[in-house]
C-alpha atoms as a PDB file:
ATOM      1  CA  MET A   1       0.273   0.093  -0.027  1.00  0.00           C
ATOM      2  CA  THR A   2       1.253   3.389  -1.039  1.00  0.00           C
ATOM      3  CA  VAL A   3       1.633   5.739   2.150  1.00  0.00           C
ATOM      4  CA  GLU A   4       2.624   8.890   0.212  1.00  0.00           C
ATOM      5  CA  ALA A   5      -0.181  10.818  -1.317  1.00  0.00           C
ATOM      6  CA  PRO A   6       0.034  11.980  -4.804  1.00  0.00           C
ATOM      7  CA  LYS A   7      -0.384  15.560  -5.512  1.00  0.00           C
ATOM      8  CA  HIS A   8      -3.829  15.456  -7.608  1.00  0.00           C
ATOM      9  CA  ARG A   9      -7.029  12.810  -7.073  1.00  0.00           C
ATOM     10  CA  CYS A  10      -8.117  12.549 -10.631  1.00  0.00           C
ATOM     11  CA  PHE A  11      -5.509  12.307 -13.567  1.00  0.00           C
ATOM     12  CA  ARG A  12      -7.411  12.616 -16.786  1.00  0.00           C
ATOM     13  CA  ALA A  13      -6.426  11.597 -20.271  1.00  0.00           C
ATOM     14  CA  GLN A  14      -5.210  14.103 -23.198  1.00  0.00           C
ATOM     15  CA  GLY A  15      -4.153  13.656 -26.625  1.00  0.00           C
ATOM     16  CA  GLY A  16      -4.028  10.038 -28.285  1.00  0.00           C
ATOM     17  CA  ASN A  17      -5.174   7.986 -25.660  1.00  0.00           C
ATOM     18  CA  LEU A  18      -5.816   4.589 -27.685  1.00  0.00           C
ATOM     19  CA  VAL A  19      -3.831   1.833 -25.111  1.00  0.00           C
ATOM     20  CA  LYS A  20      -5.144  -1.335 -27.365  1.00  0.00           C
ATOM     21  CA  SER A  21      -6.599  -2.543 -30.499  1.00  0.00           C
ATOM     22  CA  ILE A  22      -6.784  -5.976 -31.267  1.00  0.00           C
ATOM     23  CA  LYS A  23      -8.518  -7.820 -34.473  1.00  0.00           C
ATOM     24  CA  GLU A  24      -9.708 -11.320 -34.074  1.00  0.00           C
ATOM     25  CA  GLN A  25     -11.188 -13.683 -36.671  1.00  0.00           C
ATOM     26  CA  ILE A  26     -14.863 -14.746 -35.655  1.00  0.00           C
ATOM     27  CA  TYR A  27     -15.253 -17.356 -38.586  1.00  0.00           C
ATOM     28  CA  CYS A  28     -13.977 -18.319 -41.746  1.00  0.00           C
ATOM     29  CA  TYR A  29     -15.928 -20.198 -44.324  1.00  0.00           C
ATOM     30  CA  ASN A  30     -14.112 -22.148 -47.546  1.00  0.00           C
ATOM     31  CA  GLY A  31     -11.736 -19.506 -47.475  1.00  0.00           C
ATOM     32  CA  ASP A  32     -13.990 -17.289 -49.264  1.00  0.00           C
ATOM     33  CA  GLU A  33     -15.464 -15.132 -46.328  1.00  0.00           C
ATOM     34  CA  ALA A  34     -14.339 -14.321 -43.150  1.00  0.00           C
ATOM     35  CA  LEU A  35     -15.483 -12.111 -40.604  1.00  0.00           C
ATOM     36  CA  TYR A  36     -13.362 -10.009 -38.000  1.00  0.00           C
ATOM     37  CA  LYS A  37     -14.161  -8.330 -34.610  1.00  0.00           C
ATOM     38  CA  ILE A  38     -11.914  -5.182 -33.761  1.00  0.00           C
ATOM     39  CA  VAL A  39     -11.744  -4.160 -30.117  1.00  0.00           C
ATOM     40  CA  ASP A  40      -9.994  -0.852 -29.629  1.00  0.00           C
ATOM     41  CA  ILE A  41      -9.594   0.601 -26.101  1.00  0.00           C
ATOM     42  CA  HIS A  42      -9.457   3.960 -24.790  1.00  0.00           C
ATOM     43  CA  ILE A  43      -8.384   5.093 -21.551  1.00  0.00           C
ATOM     44  CA  LEU A  44     -10.065   7.982 -20.153  1.00  0.00           C
ATOM     45  CA  GLY A  45      -7.971   8.532 -17.079  1.00  0.00           C
ATOM     46  CA  TYR A  46      -7.963   7.344 -13.306  1.00  0.00           C
ATOM     47  CA  GLU A  47      -8.774   8.492  -9.999  1.00  0.00           C
ATOM     48  CA  TRP A  48      -8.239   7.973  -6.567  1.00  0.00           C
ATOM     49  CA  CYS A  49     -11.856   6.958  -4.921  1.00  0.00           C
ATOM     50  CA  LYS A  50     -12.102   8.311  -1.168  1.00  0.00           C
ATOM     51  CA  LEU A  51     -12.985   4.801   0.844  1.00  0.00           C
ATOM     52  CA  LEU A  52     -12.645   6.287   4.366  1.00  0.00           C
ATOM     53  CA  GLY A  53     -11.981   9.646   5.872  1.00  0.00           C
ATOM     54  CA  TYR A  54     -12.133  10.047   9.611  1.00  0.00           C
ATOM     55  CA  SER A  55     -10.151  12.851  11.916  1.00  0.00           C
ATOM     56  CA  ASN A  56      -9.570  11.943  15.336  1.00  0.00           C
ATOM     57  CA  PRO A  57      -9.724  14.733  17.828  1.00  0.00           C
ATOM     58  CA  SER A  58      -9.841  13.078  21.188  1.00  0.00           C
ATOM     59  CA  ASP A  59      -6.919  11.426  23.296  1.00  0.00           C
ATOM     60  CA  ASN A  60      -7.720   7.690  22.338  1.00  0.00           C
ATOM     61  CA  PRO A  61      -7.522   5.727  19.108  1.00  0.00           C
ATOM     62  CA  VAL A  62     -10.528   5.127  17.436  1.00  0.00           C
ATOM     63  CA  PHE A  63     -10.934   1.831  15.091  1.00  0.00           C
ATOM     64  CA  GLU A  64     -12.769   2.599  11.721  1.00  0.00           C
ATOM     65  CA  THR A  65     -14.005  -0.312   9.595  1.00  0.00           C
ATOM     66  CA  GLU A  66     -13.812  -0.134   5.620  1.00  0.00           C
ATOM     67  CA  SER A  67     -15.035  -2.187   3.118  1.00  0.00           C
ATOM     68  CA  ASN A  68     -14.580  -2.123  -0.857  1.00  0.00           C
ATOM     69  CA  THR A  69     -14.683  -4.008  -3.700  1.00  0.00           C
ATOM     70  CA  THR A  70     -12.139  -4.819  -6.438  1.00  0.00           C
ATOM     71  CA  THR A  71     -14.601  -4.994  -9.774  1.00  0.00           C
ATOM     72  CA  PHE A  72     -14.961  -4.674 -13.791  1.00  0.00           C
ATOM     73  CA  ARG A  73     -18.230  -3.023 -14.443  1.00  0.00           C
ATOM     74  CA  VAL A  74     -19.733  -1.666 -17.553  1.00  0.00           C
ATOM     75  CA  LYS A  75     -20.692   1.528 -16.459  1.00  0.00           C
ATOM     76  CA  THR A  76     -22.676   2.853 -19.323  1.00  0.00           C
ATOM     77  CA  GLY A  77     -23.329   1.625 -23.321  1.00  0.00           C
ATOM     78  CA  GLU A  78     -24.374  -1.195 -24.978  1.00  0.00           C
ATOM     79  CA  GLU A  79     -21.828  -4.365 -24.056  1.00  0.00           C
ATOM     80  CA  SER A  80     -24.205  -5.413 -21.085  1.00  0.00           C
ATOM     81  CA  GLN A  81     -27.390  -5.765 -23.600  1.00  0.00           C
ATOM     82  CA  HIS A  82     -25.448  -7.949 -26.178  1.00  0.00           C
ATOM     83  CA  LYS A  83     -23.546 -10.885 -26.047  1.00  0.00           C
ATOM     84  CA  VAL A  84     -20.127  -9.172 -26.836  1.00  0.00           C
ATOM     85  CA  ASP A  85     -17.699 -10.047 -23.920  1.00  0.00           C
ATOM     86  CA  ILE A  86     -14.835  -7.421 -23.236  1.00  0.00           C
ATOM     87  CA  SER A  87     -13.524  -8.013 -19.680  1.00  0.00           C
ATOM     88  CA  GLY A  88     -11.138 -10.672 -21.099  1.00  0.00           C
ATOM     89  CA  GLU A  89      -9.329  -7.966 -23.203  1.00  0.00           C
ATOM     90  CA  PHE A  90      -8.243  -6.161 -20.088  1.00  0.00           C
ATOM     91  CA  SER A  91      -6.641  -9.124 -18.273  1.00  0.00           C
ATOM     92  CA  GLY A  92      -3.151  -8.495 -18.638  1.00  0.00           C
ATOM     93  CA  LEU A  93      -3.414  -4.895 -20.167  1.00  0.00           C
ATOM     94  CA  LYS A  94      -0.520  -2.474 -19.429  1.00  0.00           C
ATOM     95  CA  VAL A  95      -1.351   1.272 -19.158  1.00  0.00           C
ATOM     96  CA  GLY A  96       1.565   4.210 -18.470  1.00  0.00           C
ATOM     97  CA  LEU A  97       2.249   7.774 -18.551  1.00  0.00           C
ATOM     98  CA  LYS A  98       4.397   9.498 -21.157  1.00  0.00           C
ATOM     99  CA  ALA A  99       7.957  10.592 -20.192  1.00  0.00           C
ATOM    100  CA  GLY A 100       7.394  14.121 -18.042  1.00  0.00           C
ATOM    101  CA  TYR A 101       4.904  13.015 -15.884  1.00  0.00           C
ATOM    102  CA  SER A 102       5.561  11.232 -12.512  1.00  0.00           C
ATOM    103  CA  PHE A 103       6.099   7.685 -13.170  1.00  0.00           C
ATOM    104  CA  GLU A 104       2.979   5.235 -13.151  1.00  0.00           C
ATOM    105  CA  HIS A 105       2.504   2.202 -14.482  1.00  0.00           C
ATOM    106  CA  LYS A 106      -0.312  -0.520 -14.093  1.00  0.00           C
ATOM    107  CA  THR A 107      -0.836  -3.896 -15.272  1.00  0.00           C
ATOM    108  CA  PHE A 108      -4.373  -5.457 -14.607  1.00  0.00           C
ATOM    109  CA  SER A 109      -4.674  -8.843 -12.927  1.00  0.00           C
ATOM    110  CA  GLU A 110      -7.566 -11.245 -13.595  1.00  0.00           C
ATOM    111  CA  GLU A 111      -8.792 -10.910 -10.404  1.00  0.00           C
ATOM    112  CA  GLU A 112      -9.197  -6.945 -11.187  1.00  0.00           C
ATOM    113  CA  THR A 113     -11.052  -7.854 -14.797  1.00  0.00           C
ATOM    114  CA  ILE A 114     -12.407 -11.059 -14.555  1.00  0.00           C
ATOM    115  CA  THR A 115     -13.903 -11.559 -10.753  1.00  0.00           C
ATOM    116  CA  GLU A 116     -15.491  -9.252  -8.159  1.00  0.00           C
ATOM    117  CA  THR A 117     -13.629  -9.520  -4.661  1.00  0.00           C
ATOM    118  CA  LYS A 118     -15.027  -7.983  -1.850  1.00  0.00           C
ATOM    119  CA  HIS A 119     -12.473  -6.437   1.089  1.00  0.00           C
ATOM    120  CA  GLY A 120     -12.498  -5.401   4.861  1.00  0.00           C
ATOM    121  CA  GLU A 121     -10.394  -3.969   7.026  1.00  0.00           C
ATOM    122  CA  THR A 122     -10.412  -2.138  10.498  1.00  0.00           C
ATOM    123  CA  VAL A 123      -8.042   0.842  10.544  1.00  0.00           C
ATOM    124  CA  LYS A 124      -6.733   2.505  13.375  1.00  0.00           C
ATOM    125  CA  VAL A 125      -6.716   6.089  13.532  1.00  0.00           C
ATOM    126  CA  LYS A 126      -4.274   7.660  16.202  1.00  0.00           C
ATOM    127  CA  PRO A 127      -5.059  10.454  18.984  1.00  0.00           C
ATOM    128  CA  HIS A 128      -5.031  13.757  17.671  1.00  0.00           C
ATOM    129  CA  THR A 129      -4.649  12.411  13.518  1.00  0.00           C
ATOM    130  CA  ALA A 130      -6.757  12.049  10.576  1.00  0.00           C
ATOM    131  CA  VAL A 131      -6.544   8.641   8.028  1.00  0.00           C
ATOM    132  CA  TYR A 132      -7.828   8.967   4.410  1.00  0.00           C
ATOM    133  CA  ARG A 133      -7.896   5.635   2.523  1.00  0.00           C
ATOM    134  CA  TYR A 134      -8.401   5.184  -1.463  1.00  0.00           C
ATOM    135  CA  LYS A 135      -8.886   3.049  -4.007  1.00  0.00           C
ATOM    136  CA  LYS A 136      -7.883   3.456  -7.683  1.00  0.00           C
ATOM    137  CA  LEU A 137     -10.646   3.515 -10.102  1.00  0.00           C
ATOM    138  CA  TYR A 138      -9.762   3.259 -14.124  1.00  0.00           C
ATOM    139  CA  ARG A 139     -12.335   4.260 -16.780  1.00  0.00           C
ATOM    140  CA  PHE A 140     -12.035   3.350 -20.473  1.00  0.00           C
ATOM    141  CA  LYS A 141     -14.286   3.992 -23.796  1.00  0.00           C
ATOM    142  CA  VAL A 142     -14.415   0.669 -25.513  1.00  0.00           C
ATOM    143  CA  HIS A 143     -14.907   0.304 -29.263  1.00  0.00           C
ATOM    144  CA  VAL A 144     -16.340  -2.841 -30.834  1.00  0.00           C
ATOM    145  CA  TRP A 145     -16.345  -3.004 -34.716  1.00  0.00           C
ATOM    146  CA  TYR A 146     -16.421  -5.760 -37.557  1.00  0.00           C
ATOM    147  CA  GLN A 147     -14.914  -6.209 -40.853  1.00  0.00           C
ATOM    148  CA  LEU A 148     -16.391  -8.463 -43.533  1.00  0.00           C
ATOM    149  CA  ASP A 149     -13.804 -10.292 -46.045  1.00  0.00           C
ATOM    150  CA  ALA A 150     -15.992 -11.132 -48.961  1.00  0.00           C
ATOM    151  CA  TRP A 151     -15.898 -10.482 -52.849  1.00  0.00           C
ATOM    152  CA  ASN A 152     -12.086 -10.208 -52.702  1.00  0.00           C
ATOM    153  CA  ARG A 153     -12.171  -7.253 -50.507  1.00  0.00           C
ATOM    154  CA  ILE A 154     -12.092  -6.319 -46.716  1.00  0.00           C
ATOM    155  CA  TRP A 155     -15.037  -4.595 -45.717  1.00  0.00           C
ATOM    156  CA  THR A 156     -16.119  -2.384 -42.356  1.00  0.00           C
ATOM    157  CA  VAL A 157     -19.505  -3.435 -41.363  1.00  0.00           C
ATOM    158  CA  GLY A 158     -21.849  -0.554 -41.281  1.00  0.00           C
ATOM    159  CA  LYS A 159     -25.492   0.415 -40.009  1.00  0.00           C
ATOM    160  CA  ARG A 160     -28.524  -0.389 -41.613  1.00  0.00           C
ATOM    161  CA  GLY A 161     -29.442   2.064 -44.125  1.00  0.00           C
ATOM    162  CA  LYS A 162     -26.608   4.468 -43.255  1.00  0.00           C
ATOM    163  CA  ASP A 163     -23.212   4.478 -44.950  1.00  0.00           C
ATOM    164  CA  GLU A 164     -21.618   4.735 -41.189  1.00  0.00           C
ATOM    165  CA  LEU A 165     -19.834   2.555 -38.793  1.00  0.00           C
ATOM    166  CA  LEU A 166     -21.590  -0.156 -36.806  1.00  0.00           C
ATOM    167  CA  GLU A 167     -20.137  -0.447 -33.592  1.00  0.00           C
ATOM    168  CA  VAL A 168     -20.911  -1.127 -29.792  1.00  0.00           C
ATOM    169  CA  LEU A 169     -19.667   1.545 -27.385  1.00  0.00           C
ATOM    170  CA  SER A 170     -19.256   1.195 -23.604  1.00  0.00           C
ATOM    171  CA  THR A 171     -17.744   2.936 -20.805  1.00  0.00           C
ATOM    172  CA  VAL A 172     -15.882   0.790 -18.226  1.00  0.00           C
ATOM    173  CA  GLU A 173     -15.022   0.897 -14.615  1.00  0.00           C
ATOM    174  CA  ILE A 174     -12.134  -1.004 -13.237  1.00  0.00           C
ATOM    175  CA  PHE A 175     -12.007  -0.954  -9.282  1.00  0.00           C
ATOM    176  CA  THR A 176      -8.258  -2.084  -8.935  1.00  0.00           C
ATOM    177  CA  ASN A 177      -6.007  -3.508  -5.911  1.00  0.00           C
ATOM    178  CA  ASP A 178      -4.188  -0.326  -5.446  1.00  0.00           C
ATOM    179  CA  LYS A 179      -4.651   1.248  -2.188  1.00  0.00           C
ATOM    180  CA  LEU A 180      -3.524   4.696  -0.861  1.00  0.00           C
ATOM    181  CA  GLN A 181      -3.486   5.899   3.171  1.00  0.00           C
ATOM    182  CA  THR A 182      -2.386   9.352   3.996  1.00  0.00           C
ATOM    183  CA  GLY A 183      -2.961  11.964   6.660  1.00  0.00           C
ATOM    184  CA  LYS A 184      -4.557  14.534   4.401  1.00  0.00           C
ATOM    185  CA  GLU A 185      -7.229  14.596   1.929  1.00  0.00           C
ATOM    186  CA  ILE A 186      -6.316  14.426  -1.798  1.00  0.00           C
ATOM    187  CA  VAL A 187      -7.773  16.945  -4.148  1.00  0.00           C
ATOM    188  CA  GLY A 188      -7.263  18.375  -7.624  1.00  0.00           C
ATOM    189  CA  THR A 189      -7.192  17.558 -11.202  1.00  0.00           C
ATOM    190  CA  LYS A 190      -4.283  16.760 -13.532  1.00  0.00           C
ATOM    191  CA  GLU A 191      -4.628  16.238 -17.073  1.00  0.00           C
ATOM    192  CA  VAL A 192      -1.913  13.276 -18.096  1.00  0.00           C
ATOM    193  CA  GLU A 193      -0.494  11.698 -21.869  1.00  0.00           C
ATOM    194  CA  PHE A 194      -0.410   8.455 -21.860  1.00  0.00           C
ATOM    195  CA  HIS A 195       1.690   5.510 -24.020  1.00  0.00           C
ATOM    196  CA  THR A 196      -0.639   4.669 -27.062  1.00  0.00           C
ATOM    197  CA  VAL A 197      -0.557   2.057 -29.595  1.00  0.00           C
ATOM    198  CA  LYS A 198      -2.100   2.310 -33.755  1.00  0.00           C
ATOM    199  CA  ARG A 199      -5.326   1.002 -34.470  1.00  0.00           C
ATOM    200  CA  VAL A 200      -4.835  -2.573 -35.748  1.00  0.00           C
ATOM    201  CA  ALA A 201      -7.532  -1.919 -38.658  1.00  0.00           C
ATOM    202  CA  GLU A 202      -8.854   1.090 -40.628  1.00  0.00           C
ATOM    203  CA  GLN A 203     -12.631   2.281 -40.877  1.00  0.00           C
ATOM    204  CA  LYS A 204     -12.912   2.266 -44.655  1.00  0.00           C
ATOM    205  CA  ASN A 205     -15.082   1.011 -47.316  1.00  0.00           C
ATOM    206  CA  ILE A 206     -17.975   0.577 -45.553  1.00  0.00           C
ATOM    207  CA  LYS A 207     -20.703  -1.622 -46.818  1.00  0.00           C
ATOM    208  CA  ARG A 208     -24.283  -1.531 -45.106  1.00  0.00           C
ATOM    209  CA  LEU A 209     -25.426  -4.232 -42.742  1.00  0.00           C
ATOM    210  CA  GLU A 210     -27.953  -4.925 -45.364  1.00  0.00           C
ATOM    211  CA  ASP A 211     -25.558  -5.333 -48.279  1.00  0.00           C
ATOM    212  CA  CYS A 212     -23.211  -7.708 -46.199  1.00  0.00           C
ATOM    213  CA  THR A 213     -23.344 -11.307 -46.508  1.00  0.00           C
ATOM    214  CA  SER A 214     -26.318 -13.371 -44.986  1.00  0.00           C
ATOM    215  CA  ARG A 215     -23.779 -15.240 -42.909  1.00  0.00           C
ATOM    216  CA  CYS A 216     -22.332 -11.906 -41.221  1.00  0.00           C
ATOM    217  CA  GLN A 217     -25.650 -10.606 -40.595  1.00  0.00           C
ATOM    218  CA  ASN A 218     -26.940 -13.723 -38.778  1.00  0.00           C
ATOM    219  CA  TYR A 219     -24.049 -13.697 -36.805  1.00  0.00           C
ATOM    220  CA  LEU A 220     -24.799 -10.307 -35.813  1.00  0.00           C
ATOM    221  CA  ARG A 221     -28.408 -10.710 -35.134  1.00  0.00           C
ATOM    222  CA  ASP A 222     -27.752 -13.663 -33.019  1.00  0.00           C
ATOM    223  CA  GLN A 223     -24.956 -11.347 -30.861  1.00  0.00           C
ATOM    224  CA  GLY A 224     -28.069  -8.509 -30.576  1.00  0.00           C
ATOM    225  CA  ILE A 225     -26.264  -6.291 -32.617  1.00  0.00           C
ATOM    226  CA  GLY A 226     -27.527  -3.969 -35.593  1.00  0.00           C
ATOM    227  CA  GLY A 227     -30.890  -2.848 -34.862  1.00  0.00           C
ATOM    228  CA  PRO A 228     -34.254  -4.066 -35.842  1.00  0.00           C
ATOM    229  CA  TRP A 229     -34.688  -7.747 -37.468  1.00  0.00           C
ATOM    230  CA  PRO A 230     -35.276  -9.356 -39.954  1.00  0.00           C
ATOM    231  CA  TYR A 231     -33.432  -8.062 -43.068  1.00  0.00           C
ATOM    232  CA  ARG A 232     -33.645  -9.196 -46.477  1.00  0.00           C
ATOM    233  CA  PRO A 233     -30.240 -10.683 -46.790  1.00  0.00           C
ATOM    234  CA  LYS A 234     -28.347 -10.262 -50.164  1.00  0.00           C
ATOM    235  CA  ASP A 235     -27.200 -13.585 -51.817  1.00  0.00           C
ATOM    236  CA  ASP A 236     -23.793 -13.952 -50.604  1.00  0.00           C
ATOM    237  CA  PHE A 237     -20.752 -13.373 -52.718  1.00  0.00           C
ATOM    238  CA  VAL A 238     -22.983 -11.035 -55.196  1.00  0.00           C
ATOM    239  CA  LYS A 239     -21.899  -7.746 -55.313  1.00  0.00           C
END
């Protein structure tokens, strides 16, 4: 546990903030058609969330009980409404600040990204002292989108009836195992830059969902993605 307080409580990402970008094959049919899922993870920042704050003006020690949870949760967005599992993409994820900022890096464990663990602890507050305890919370924005390899070309799957990217958006929060105890309250916000990565695929050649192969449409329908169904699928491999 850290004992020295940082100078700020909240740290917001500025500039490019893409920290992970992966492309996974969903299916490949006879070498003629393949569908891929792309997951782009953007970090929004992190903060120290206060778990306990107690000032003891008396001449006797005071014992306070603190409880907290280590967990991964989808705060807002569509991921929880569909079958798009993104929690596994965070286990082992490394994030770090660029040079010029105070040293800070983090690798997320399986406990922090897959399971939910509750913790409890009794804290002793000495006479005429104060104790503040914090737990670090990270926030991310996750973009999930799809590419279709068909008709001898790579297509970005678009929305139904629109030449726009079809994607599933989610805001994720991770309450980590990182804790902090200090004798004074932490305040303030600072903008920081994180180490970033390049996107693994380009969002170009958008093909409207109703013009994609029936196999692609059926898969996305089973995932609950794409809006009202059914469509009138085009015959596969017909331009």
